[in-house]
Protein backbone atom coordinates (compact mmCIF):
# COMPACT_ATOMS: atom_id res chain seq x y z
CA UNK A 1 9.56 105.08 33.68
CA UNK A 2 7.60 103.00 31.32
CA UNK A 3 10.57 101.67 29.32
CA UNK A 4 12.63 100.48 32.33
CA UNK A 5 9.63 98.74 33.83
CA UNK A 6 9.04 96.98 30.57
CA UNK A 7 12.70 95.76 30.46
CA UNK A 8 12.39 94.55 34.02
CA UNK A 9 9.25 92.53 33.20
CA UNK A 10 10.88 90.90 30.14
CA UNK A 11 13.96 89.97 32.13
CA UNK A 12 11.78 88.19 34.81
CA UNK A 13 9.81 86.17 32.21
CA UNK A 14 13.08 85.18 30.59
CA UNK A 15 14.45 83.93 33.88
CA UNK A 16 11.26 82.03 34.62
CA UNK A 17 11.43 80.28 31.23
CA UNK A 18 15.07 79.20 31.69
CA UNK A 19 14.11 77.84 35.18
CA UNK A 20 11.36 75.69 33.72
CA UNK A 21 13.50 74.15 30.90
CA UNK A 22 14.79 70.40 31.73
CA UNK A 23 18.41 70.17 32.18
CA UNK A 24 20.68 68.81 29.51
CA UNK A 25 18.55 69.13 26.39
CA UNK A 26 15.98 70.80 24.37
CA UNK A 27 12.21 69.84 23.74
CA UNK A 28 12.84 67.47 20.86
CA UNK A 29 15.23 65.26 22.83
CA UNK A 30 12.90 65.04 25.82
CA UNK A 31 10.39 62.86 24.04
CA UNK A 32 12.83 60.21 22.72
CA UNK A 33 13.56 58.43 26.02
CA UNK A 34 9.82 57.70 26.47
CA UNK A 35 9.39 56.46 22.87
CA UNK A 36 12.48 54.09 23.24
CA UNK A 37 11.23 52.78 26.48
CA UNK A 38 7.80 51.86 25.02
CA UNK A 39 9.30 50.07 21.98
CA UNK A 40 11.58 48.05 24.27
CA UNK A 41 8.66 46.91 26.45
CA UNK A 42 7.09 45.09 23.47
CA UNK A 43 10.17 43.09 22.61
CA UNK A 44 10.75 39.84 24.64
CA UNK A 45 14.22 39.58 26.21
CA UNK A 46 16.83 37.90 24.02
CA UNK A 47 20.52 37.26 23.98
CA UNK A 48 22.42 40.26 22.66
CA UNK A 49 22.72 40.26 18.90
CA UNK A 50 20.56 37.27 18.19
CA UNK A 51 17.18 38.86 17.56
CA UNK A 52 15.56 35.47 18.64
CA UNK A 53 13.19 35.48 21.70
CA UNK A 54 14.79 33.72 24.55
CA UNK A 55 11.54 32.25 25.84
CA UNK A 56 9.18 31.55 22.80
CA UNK A 57 5.46 31.46 23.32
CA UNK A 58 3.50 28.18 23.14
CA UNK A 59 2.19 29.09 19.61
CA UNK A 60 5.80 28.98 18.32
CA UNK A 61 6.24 25.40 19.64
CA UNK A 62 8.39 23.17 17.35
CA UNK A 63 6.50 21.44 14.58
CA UNK A 64 7.13 17.97 16.07
CA UNK A 65 4.80 18.83 18.96
CA UNK A 66 1.82 19.54 16.81
CA UNK A 67 2.46 17.31 13.84
CA UNK A 68 0.78 13.82 14.05
CA UNK A 69 3.02 10.78 13.98
CA UNK A 70 2.87 8.35 11.01
CA UNK A 71 0.86 5.91 13.09
CA UNK A 72 -1.80 8.52 13.81
CA UNK A 73 -2.34 9.29 10.16
CA UNK A 74 -2.91 5.72 9.27
CA UNK A 75 -0.34 5.75 6.49
CA UNK A 76 1.82 2.60 6.55
CA UNK A 77 5.55 2.97 6.17
CA UNK A 78 7.11 1.60 2.97
CA UNK A 79 8.41 -1.43 4.75
CA UNK A 80 5.04 -2.27 6.26
CA UNK A 81 3.25 -2.00 2.88
CA UNK A 82 5.65 -4.03 0.90
CA UNK A 83 4.87 -7.75 0.43
CA UNK A 84 7.91 -9.86 0.16
CA UNK A 85 8.09 -11.96 -3.10
CA UNK A 86 7.71 -15.64 -2.34
CA UNK A 87 10.33 -18.01 -3.55
CA UNK A 88 7.73 -20.34 -5.01
CA UNK A 89 4.64 -19.60 -7.10
CA UNK A 90 1.35 -18.88 -5.40
CA UNK A 91 2.65 -18.41 -1.83
CA UNK A 92 -0.20 -16.17 -0.97
CA UNK A 93 -3.84 -15.72 -2.02
CA UNK A 94 -7.00 -13.92 -0.81
CA UNK A 95 -10.60 -14.20 -1.56
CA UNK A 96 -13.07 -11.30 -1.50
CA UNK A 97 -16.46 -10.55 -2.87
CA UNK A 98 -16.70 -6.83 -3.83
CA UNK A 99 -19.63 -4.79 -2.55
CA UNK A 100 -21.75 -2.93 -5.10
CA UNK A 101 -20.33 0.39 -4.01
CA UNK A 102 -16.77 -0.76 -4.40
CA UNK A 103 -17.66 -2.18 -7.86
CA UNK A 104 -18.55 1.19 -9.32
CA UNK A 105 -15.23 3.01 -8.69
CA UNK A 106 -12.60 4.28 -11.15
CA UNK A 107 -9.09 2.84 -11.81
CA UNK A 108 -8.40 -0.33 -9.89
CA UNK A 109 -12.05 -0.75 -8.78
CA UNK A 110 -13.88 -4.06 -9.66
CA UNK A 111 -16.13 -3.57 -12.70
CA UNK A 112 -19.79 -2.96 -11.93
CA UNK A 113 -21.51 -6.30 -11.18
CA UNK A 114 -24.44 -5.68 -13.55
CA UNK A 115 -22.02 -5.65 -16.58
CA UNK A 116 -19.68 -8.50 -15.43
CA UNK A 117 -21.38 -11.29 -17.44
CA UNK A 118 -21.56 -9.38 -20.67
CA UNK A 119 -24.12 -10.81 -23.30
CA UNK A 120 -24.48 -14.32 -21.80
CA UNK A 121 -25.48 -14.34 -18.16
CA UNK A 122 -25.49 -17.46 -15.81
CA UNK A 123 -28.81 -18.90 -15.02
CA UNK A 124 -30.39 -17.40 -18.11
CA UNK A 125 -31.85 -19.83 -20.72
CA UNK A 126 -31.07 -19.08 -24.44
CA UNK A 127 -32.58 -20.55 -27.59
CA UNK A 128 -30.57 -21.35 -30.63
CA UNK A 129 -29.36 -24.11 -32.89
CA UNK A 130 -26.63 -26.68 -32.43
CA UNK A 131 -24.29 -27.56 -35.29
CA UNK A 132 -21.00 -29.66 -35.16
CA UNK A 133 -17.35 -29.49 -36.21
CA UNK A 134 -14.29 -31.56 -36.06
CA UNK A 135 -12.58 -30.31 -32.84
CA UNK A 136 -9.37 -32.32 -33.51
CA UNK A 137 -7.40 -32.13 -30.21
CA UNK A 138 -9.77 -29.64 -28.70
CA UNK A 139 -7.68 -26.48 -29.07
CA UNK A 140 -9.42 -23.42 -30.33
CA UNK A 141 -9.64 -19.59 -30.35
CA UNK A 142 -9.61 -19.47 -26.54
CA UNK A 143 -5.97 -20.68 -26.62
CA UNK A 144 -6.45 -23.19 -23.91
CA UNK A 145 -4.43 -25.76 -25.80
CA UNK A 146 -5.25 -29.48 -26.42
CA UNK A 147 -8.11 -30.85 -24.36
CA UNK A 148 -8.32 -34.36 -23.02
CA UNK A 149 -12.07 -34.02 -22.79
CA UNK A 150 -13.82 -33.36 -26.12
CA UNK A 151 -17.20 -32.37 -24.55
CA UNK A 152 -16.49 -28.89 -25.88
CA UNK A 153 -18.06 -26.33 -28.12
CA UNK A 154 -17.48 -23.08 -30.00
CA UNK A 155 -19.66 -20.08 -29.15
CA UNK A 156 -21.03 -18.01 -31.97
CA UNK A 157 -19.14 -14.87 -32.82
CA UNK A 158 -21.63 -12.40 -31.19
CA UNK A 159 -21.98 -14.22 -27.90
CA UNK A 160 -18.24 -15.13 -27.96
CA UNK A 161 -17.79 -11.37 -27.32
CA UNK A 162 -14.11 -11.01 -27.56
CA UNK A 163 -13.39 -14.20 -25.62
CA UNK A 164 -15.58 -13.44 -22.62
CA UNK A 165 -17.41 -16.72 -23.14
CA UNK A 166 -14.12 -18.76 -22.91
CA UNK A 167 -14.13 -21.45 -20.34
CA UNK A 168 -17.85 -21.19 -19.60
CA UNK A 169 -19.60 -24.42 -18.78
CA UNK A 170 -22.77 -24.63 -20.82
CA UNK A 171 -25.68 -26.99 -20.21
CA UNK A 172 -27.33 -27.79 -23.73
CA UNK A 173 -30.70 -29.34 -23.95
CA UNK A 174 -32.37 -30.70 -27.10
CA UNK A 175 -36.05 -31.05 -27.70
CA UNK A 176 -35.87 -34.78 -27.54
CA UNK A 177 -34.95 -34.50 -23.87
CA UNK A 178 -31.15 -35.26 -24.30
CA UNK A 179 -28.70 -32.99 -22.70
CA UNK A 180 -24.94 -32.47 -22.39
CA UNK A 181 -22.61 -30.06 -20.58
CA UNK A 182 -19.79 -28.67 -22.72
CA UNK A 183 -17.03 -26.12 -22.16
CA UNK A 184 -16.46 -23.25 -24.49
CA UNK A 185 -13.08 -23.37 -26.01
CA UNK A 186 -13.61 -22.04 -29.44
CA UNK A 187 -15.34 -19.27 -31.62
CA UNK A 188 -17.80 -20.02 -34.39
CA UNK A 189 -17.33 -17.25 -36.82
CA UNK A 190 -20.03 -15.49 -38.88
CA UNK A 191 -22.40 -16.55 -40.25
CA UNK A 192 -22.90 -18.37 -36.95
CA UNK A 193 -25.97 -16.59 -35.51
CA UNK A 194 -26.49 -15.34 -31.98
CA UNK A 195 -27.64 -18.30 -29.78
CA UNK A 196 -25.85 -20.86 -32.04
CA UNK A 197 -23.44 -23.36 -30.57
CA UNK A 198 -21.04 -25.40 -32.69
CA UNK A 199 -20.47 -28.51 -30.76
CA UNK A 200 -17.59 -31.03 -31.30
CA UNK A 201 -18.78 -34.12 -33.14
CA UNK A 202 -18.37 -36.07 -29.90
CA UNK A 203 -20.72 -33.63 -27.99
CA UNK A 204 -23.24 -33.38 -30.71
CA UNK A 205 -23.52 -37.16 -30.92
CA UNK A 206 -24.77 -37.17 -27.30
CA UNK A 207 -27.77 -35.13 -28.46
CA UNK A 208 -28.55 -36.52 -31.96
CA UNK A 209 -27.10 -38.33 -34.85
CA UNK A 210 -24.51 -36.22 -36.69
CA UNK A 211 -26.66 -36.57 -39.94
CA UNK A 212 -29.25 -34.25 -38.37
CA UNK A 213 -26.86 -31.40 -39.05
CA UNK A 214 -28.82 -28.59 -37.22
CA UNK A 215 -30.67 -29.21 -34.04
CA UNK A 216 -32.81 -26.72 -32.13
CA UNK A 217 -31.58 -26.45 -28.47
CA UNK A 218 -31.74 -24.31 -25.38
CA UNK A 219 -28.67 -23.69 -23.35
CA UNK A 220 -27.62 -22.14 -20.01
CA UNK A 221 -24.38 -21.08 -18.49
CA UNK A 222 -23.52 -23.12 -15.31
CA UNK A 223 -21.29 -22.77 -12.29
CA UNK A 224 -20.32 -26.58 -12.19
CA UNK A 225 -19.45 -28.62 -9.37
CA UNK A 226 -17.04 -30.77 -11.41
CA UNK A 227 -14.22 -28.30 -11.89
CA UNK A 228 -10.46 -28.40 -11.33
CA UNK A 229 -9.51 -27.90 -7.61
CA UNK A 230 -7.53 -24.92 -8.60
CA UNK A 231 -7.19 -22.54 -11.48
CA UNK A 232 -3.95 -21.69 -13.12
CA UNK A 233 -2.19 -18.68 -14.62
CA UNK A 234 -0.19 -18.68 -17.77
CA UNK A 235 2.02 -16.03 -19.36
CA UNK A 236 1.89 -15.81 -23.13
CA UNK A 237 4.92 -16.82 -25.23
CA UNK A 238 7.18 -13.78 -25.57
CA UNK A 239 6.16 -12.13 -22.14
CA UNK A 240 8.71 -10.31 -20.24
CA UNK A 241 8.97 -7.34 -17.84
CA UNK A 242 8.47 -5.07 -20.87
CA UNK A 243 5.36 -6.76 -22.32
CA UNK A 244 3.17 -9.61 -21.23
CA UNK A 245 -0.08 -11.44 -21.88
CA UNK A 246 -1.74 -13.34 -19.01
CA UNK A 247 -4.24 -16.13 -19.35
CA UNK A 248 -6.53 -17.90 -16.71
CA UNK A 249 -7.02 -21.63 -17.12
CA UNK A 250 -9.28 -24.08 -15.32
CA UNK A 251 -11.56 -21.54 -13.79
CA UNK A 252 -14.92 -22.74 -12.65
CA UNK A 253 -16.87 -19.59 -13.66
CA UNK A 254 -16.35 -17.32 -16.70
CA UNK A 255 -13.70 -14.68 -16.07
CA UNK A 256 -14.90 -11.09 -16.23
CA UNK A 257 -11.78 -9.08 -15.54
CA UNK A 258 -8.16 -9.42 -14.82
CA UNK A 259 -6.04 -6.78 -13.07
CA UNK A 260 -2.40 -6.45 -12.09
CA UNK A 261 -0.88 -4.54 -9.22
CA UNK A 262 1.24 -1.57 -10.33
CA UNK A 263 2.91 1.29 -8.48
CA UNK A 264 -0.25 3.28 -8.85
CA UNK A 265 -2.71 0.48 -7.63
CA UNK A 266 -4.70 -2.14 -9.46
CA UNK A 267 -4.76 -1.85 -13.19
CA UNK A 268 -7.39 -3.71 -15.28
CA UNK A 269 -5.94 -5.16 -18.50
CA UNK A 270 -7.72 -5.28 -21.90
CA UNK A 271 -8.82 -8.62 -23.17
CA UNK A 272 -7.97 -10.12 -26.64
CA UNK A 273 -10.08 -12.38 -28.93
CA UNK A 274 -7.55 -15.15 -28.29
CA UNK A 275 -8.26 -15.03 -24.45
CA UNK A 276 -5.24 -13.22 -23.06
CA UNK A 277 -5.14 -10.05 -21.01
CA UNK A 278 -2.38 -7.69 -22.23
CA UNK A 279 -0.05 -5.35 -20.51
CA UNK A 280 1.60 -3.62 -23.47
CA UNK A 281 4.00 -1.61 -21.39
CA UNK A 282 4.87 -4.27 -18.91
CA UNK A 283 3.14 -2.71 -15.98
CA UNK A 284 2.43 -5.42 -13.28
CA UNK A 285 4.00 -8.22 -15.22
CA UNK A 286 5.29 -10.74 -12.67
CA UNK A 287 3.42 -9.00 -9.79
CA UNK A 288 0.16 -9.81 -7.93
CA UNK A 289 -2.78 -10.70 -10.15
CA UNK A 290 -6.51 -10.20 -9.32
CA UNK A 291 -9.12 -12.16 -11.19
CA UNK A 292 -12.83 -11.43 -11.06
CA UNK A 293 -15.55 -13.88 -12.21
CA UNK A 294 -19.03 -13.07 -13.62
CA UNK A 295 -20.50 -13.41 -10.09
CA UNK A 296 -18.26 -10.60 -8.77
CA UNK A 297 -16.00 -12.85 -6.69
CA UNK A 298 -12.30 -11.76 -6.76
CA UNK A 299 -9.23 -13.96 -6.29
CA UNK A 300 -5.87 -12.43 -5.66
CA UNK A 301 -2.76 -14.34 -6.31
CA UNK A 302 0.92 -13.55 -5.64
CA UNK A 303 4.13 -15.18 -6.59
CA UNK A 304 3.39 -15.99 -10.25
CA UNK A 305 6.69 -15.42 -12.04
CA UNK A 306 6.85 -14.44 -15.76
CA UNK A 307 7.42 -17.93 -17.20
CA UNK A 308 6.11 -17.94 -20.76
CA UNK A 309 3.84 -20.76 -21.84
CA UNK A 310 3.89 -22.41 -18.40
CA UNK A 311 0.61 -23.08 -16.64
CA UNK A 312 1.29 -22.23 -12.92
CA UNK A 313 -1.26 -23.42 -10.34
CA UNK A 314 -2.69 -20.87 -7.93
CA UNK A 315 -4.13 -23.11 -5.06
CA UNK A 316 -7.41 -21.16 -5.37
CA UNK A 317 -10.70 -21.57 -7.21
CA UNK A 318 -14.02 -19.71 -7.69
CA UNK A 319 -16.91 -20.75 -5.65
CA UNK A 320 -19.77 -22.72 -6.95
CA UNK A 321 -23.05 -20.78 -7.58
């Protein structure tokens, strides 16, 4: 009796188990449909086979929607920033006085105002001795060429300072009360001492007889009222697009710096003892030129072509101080 009853019980349990099983598959296949449905719910609808969402979210907006326009960035287009070359020299010019903060920057910034004048500073009285020399036609180390006015002088080697004194107007006073204003066009080499001025015979004779030889004087750099209406620019003989020397002529105040415009901005050129500013690799030759005087005033001139040994007027002049 026990064995038949056990067999009957087992049969009943087996029947119940088959009744509870889902139709069409085993236990491992029953979980797959649910997993597939969950993954599909996280994918946005898209055209078959593209893999690209049919309706992108706002964060995936095209770059043109979020990128600022050129006008919004403040960056001019190349056509807007380019200045047409004038057909005649000096078609454009600008005048600006640099602020102290702008004068202390790196490449292309104006030199610091405190150092613009170098050794000799406008309005400062210097003591020295006056001597005289035969100035001939008035040409000298500053390379200005012959001078029609022989009220000129040579600055001592130390205060000449690699031609920084060139073109300066200097008021010279003698102890006897006589005075004369001369223009620096030359250098008095050593042993000319600091403070010494070597005047042309014509200028010295306005102060004392040439037989005096050496005359104690005081002198001051001026910003004269009597000056050419405009200054001029001259390219040195041999200048081209590959190398050039640039000189300023007829400037009211001593020139402290000269810059040329290059692709990278303003570039300050080095100054020679013979009063030319050199661009040894040709950068900026024939382009805009910016000239700074010892007072910090800047004059920017465009349209000066590379014409060697030709003084080209600029239509601008430094202000009087």
